[in-house]
Amino acid sequence: VSIGNICRSPIAEAVFRKLVTDEKVENKWMTDSAAVSDWNVGRSPDARALSCLRNHGIETAHKARQVTKDDFQTFDYILCMDESNLRDLKRRSNQVRDCKAKIELLGTYDPQKQLIIEDPYYGNEKDFETVYEQCVRCCKAFLEKSH
């Protein structure tokens, strides 16, 4: 989960979906990404995010959406990108009865200990590539730990 769901979280979602497909465990996972805000609802990911994924042979048809109350009750994990997302999500989860989702930073799984996945929106292609690499490391480690 990220602020607007057009850069970091769609990259993480696409990366994780490819990993579970490659590992042939996709039927065990329901993978999605969402935004804390409602700024970009319905929009495709940022063109630079799409191009970064395509360079790595990954396609996504994701459209931005906002986190819902259901998400907290349906998903086992809600992994987010930075401290402010974490705060917002925890605050929101407190208002949800029977929240089952474990809310944590995706970066806590990074073997290279990069805790925060910075928003590349105001950056360049290289910043999107950095996000991609962080997501690959974190998603791999998360998948190994949780199955």
Protein backbone atom coordinates (compact mmCIF):
# COMPACT_ATOMS: atom_id res chain seq x y z
CA VAL A 1 0.00 0.00 0.00
CA SER A 2 1.22 3.49 -0.87
CA ILE A 3 -0.19 7.02 -0.97
CA GLY A 4 -1.61 7.05 -4.48
CA ASN A 5 -1.25 3.46 -5.75
CA ILE A 6 0.36 4.38 -9.09
CA CYS A 7 4.11 3.92 -8.47
CA ARG A 8 5.40 1.76 -5.63
CA SER A 9 2.55 -0.51 -4.68
CA PRO A 10 1.59 -1.57 -8.24
CA ILE A 11 5.26 -2.48 -8.79
CA ALA A 12 5.25 -4.54 -5.58
CA GLU A 13 1.95 -6.16 -6.52
CA ALA A 14 3.16 -7.11 -10.01
CA VAL A 15 6.48 -8.40 -8.68
CA PHE A 16 4.80 -10.54 -6.02
CA ARG A 17 2.25 -11.88 -8.50
CA LYS A 18 5.05 -12.94 -10.85
CA LEU A 19 6.96 -14.58 -7.99
CA VAL A 20 4.02 -16.67 -6.81
CA THR A 21 3.23 -17.61 -10.42
CA ASP A 22 6.84 -18.66 -11.05
CA GLU A 23 6.77 -20.70 -7.81
CA LYS A 24 3.41 -22.22 -8.87
CA VAL A 25 1.72 -21.11 -5.64
CA GLU A 26 -0.50 -18.39 -7.14
CA ASN A 27 -3.66 -20.28 -6.11
CA LYS A 28 -2.61 -19.81 -2.47
CA TRP A 29 -2.35 -16.03 -2.72
CA MET A 30 -4.76 -13.20 -3.39
CA THR A 31 -2.57 -10.27 -4.39
CA ASP A 32 -3.70 -6.67 -4.80
CA SER A 33 -2.47 -3.15 -4.16
CA ALA A 34 -4.28 -0.06 -2.98
CA ALA A 35 -3.86 3.55 -1.94
CA VAL A 36 -4.24 5.32 1.35
CA SER A 37 -5.67 8.35 -0.49
CA ASP A 38 -8.36 8.58 -3.15
CA TRP A 39 -6.32 10.84 -5.48
CA ASN A 40 -5.80 8.46 -8.38
CA VAL A 41 -8.69 6.01 -8.13
CA GLY A 42 -9.26 4.31 -11.49
CA ARG A 43 -5.93 5.41 -12.96
CA SER A 44 -3.35 3.06 -14.46
CA PRO A 45 0.08 2.97 -12.85
CA ASP A 46 2.56 5.75 -13.72
CA ALA A 47 4.01 5.26 -17.22
CA ARG A 48 7.50 4.98 -15.70
CA ALA A 49 6.34 2.20 -13.37
CA LEU A 50 4.82 0.34 -16.33
CA SER A 51 7.94 0.77 -18.41
CA CYS A 52 10.17 -0.39 -15.54
CA LEU A 53 8.05 -3.53 -15.10
CA ARG A 54 7.99 -4.16 -18.85
CA ASN A 55 11.80 -3.98 -18.94
CA HIS A 56 11.74 -6.90 -16.52
CA GLY A 57 9.16 -8.82 -18.53
CA ILE A 58 6.24 -8.09 -16.22
CA GLU A 59 2.83 -6.78 -17.30
CA THR A 60 0.11 -5.39 -15.05
CA ALA A 61 -3.45 -4.32 -15.68
CA HIS A 62 -3.85 -2.75 -12.22
CA LYS A 63 -6.09 0.30 -11.74
CA ALA A 64 -5.58 2.43 -8.65
CA ARG A 65 -8.05 1.93 -5.84
CA GLN A 66 -8.35 3.03 -2.24
CA VAL A 67 -7.97 0.74 0.77
CA THR A 68 -11.37 -0.41 2.05
CA LYS A 69 -12.65 -1.70 5.38
CA ASP A 70 -12.98 -5.12 3.72
CA ASP A 71 -9.26 -5.19 3.01
CA PHE A 72 -8.51 -5.18 6.74
CA GLN A 73 -10.91 -8.09 7.26
CA THR A 74 -9.96 -10.13 4.16
CA PHE A 75 -6.20 -9.95 3.76
CA ASP A 76 -3.71 -11.66 6.07
CA TYR A 77 -1.06 -9.04 5.38
CA ILE A 78 -1.15 -5.40 4.39
CA LEU A 79 2.41 -4.40 3.49
CA CYS A 80 3.16 -0.73 3.00
CA MET A 81 5.96 1.44 1.76
CA ASP A 82 6.77 4.05 4.40
CA GLU A 83 6.08 5.30 7.92
CA SER A 84 3.26 7.67 7.04
CA ASN A 85 1.37 4.90 5.19
CA LEU A 86 1.96 2.63 8.18
CA ARG A 87 0.54 5.24 10.58
CA ASP A 88 -2.51 5.89 8.39
CA LEU A 89 -3.23 2.19 7.97
CA LYS A 90 -2.86 1.42 11.67
CA ARG A 91 -5.14 4.33 12.54
CA ARG A 92 -7.71 3.10 10.03
CA SER A 93 -7.46 -0.51 11.18
CA ASN A 94 -8.38 0.60 14.71
CA GLN A 95 -11.79 1.61 13.38
CA VAL A 96 -12.40 -1.80 11.80
CA ARG A 97 -14.04 -4.52 13.82
CA ASP A 98 -12.21 -7.88 13.52
CA CYS A 99 -9.24 -6.58 11.54
CA LYS A 100 -7.24 -9.72 10.69
CA ALA A 101 -4.56 -8.11 8.53
CA LYS A 102 -1.06 -7.84 9.89
CA ILE A 103 0.08 -4.33 8.90
CA GLU A 104 3.79 -3.87 8.36
CA LEU A 105 6.41 -2.21 6.21
CA LEU A 106 7.36 -4.30 3.17
CA GLY A 107 10.93 -3.11 3.86
CA THR A 108 11.09 -5.08 7.12
CA TYR A 109 11.68 -8.11 4.88
CA ASP A 110 14.58 -6.55 2.97
CA PRO A 111 17.78 -8.58 3.44
CA GLN A 112 19.66 -5.35 2.67
CA LYS A 113 17.77 -3.62 5.51
CA GLN A 114 16.39 -0.74 3.41
CA LEU A 115 13.33 -0.23 5.59
CA ILE A 116 11.63 2.51 3.59
CA ILE A 117 10.70 2.24 -0.09
CA GLU A 118 10.82 5.88 -1.18
CA ASP A 119 8.24 7.31 -3.57
CA PRO A 120 9.93 7.67 -7.00
CA TYR A 121 7.19 9.95 -8.39
CA TYR A 122 9.39 13.07 -8.46
CA GLY A 123 12.46 11.10 -9.44
CA ASN A 124 13.64 9.49 -12.66
CA GLU A 125 13.83 6.03 -14.26
CA LYS A 126 16.70 5.08 -11.96
CA ASP A 127 14.51 5.71 -8.91
CA PHE A 128 11.81 3.44 -10.31
CA GLU A 129 14.47 0.79 -10.90
CA THR A 130 15.56 1.11 -7.25
CA VAL A 131 11.95 0.61 -6.12
CA TYR A 132 11.69 -2.44 -8.38
CA GLU A 133 14.87 -3.98 -6.93
CA GLN A 134 13.72 -3.31 -3.36
CA CYS A 135 10.35 -4.89 -4.12
CA VAL A 136 11.98 -7.99 -5.62
CA ARG A 137 14.22 -8.48 -2.56
CA CYS A 138 11.42 -7.86 -0.06
CA CYS A 139 8.78 -9.93 -1.85
CA LYS A 140 11.15 -12.90 -2.21
CA ALA A 141 12.05 -12.78 1.48
CA PHE A 142 8.41 -12.30 2.49
CA LEU A 143 7.31 -15.26 0.37
CA GLU A 144 10.04 -17.50 1.81
CA LYS A 145 9.10 -16.52 5.35
CA SER A 146 5.36 -16.95 4.95
CA HIS A 147 4.96 -20.27 3.18
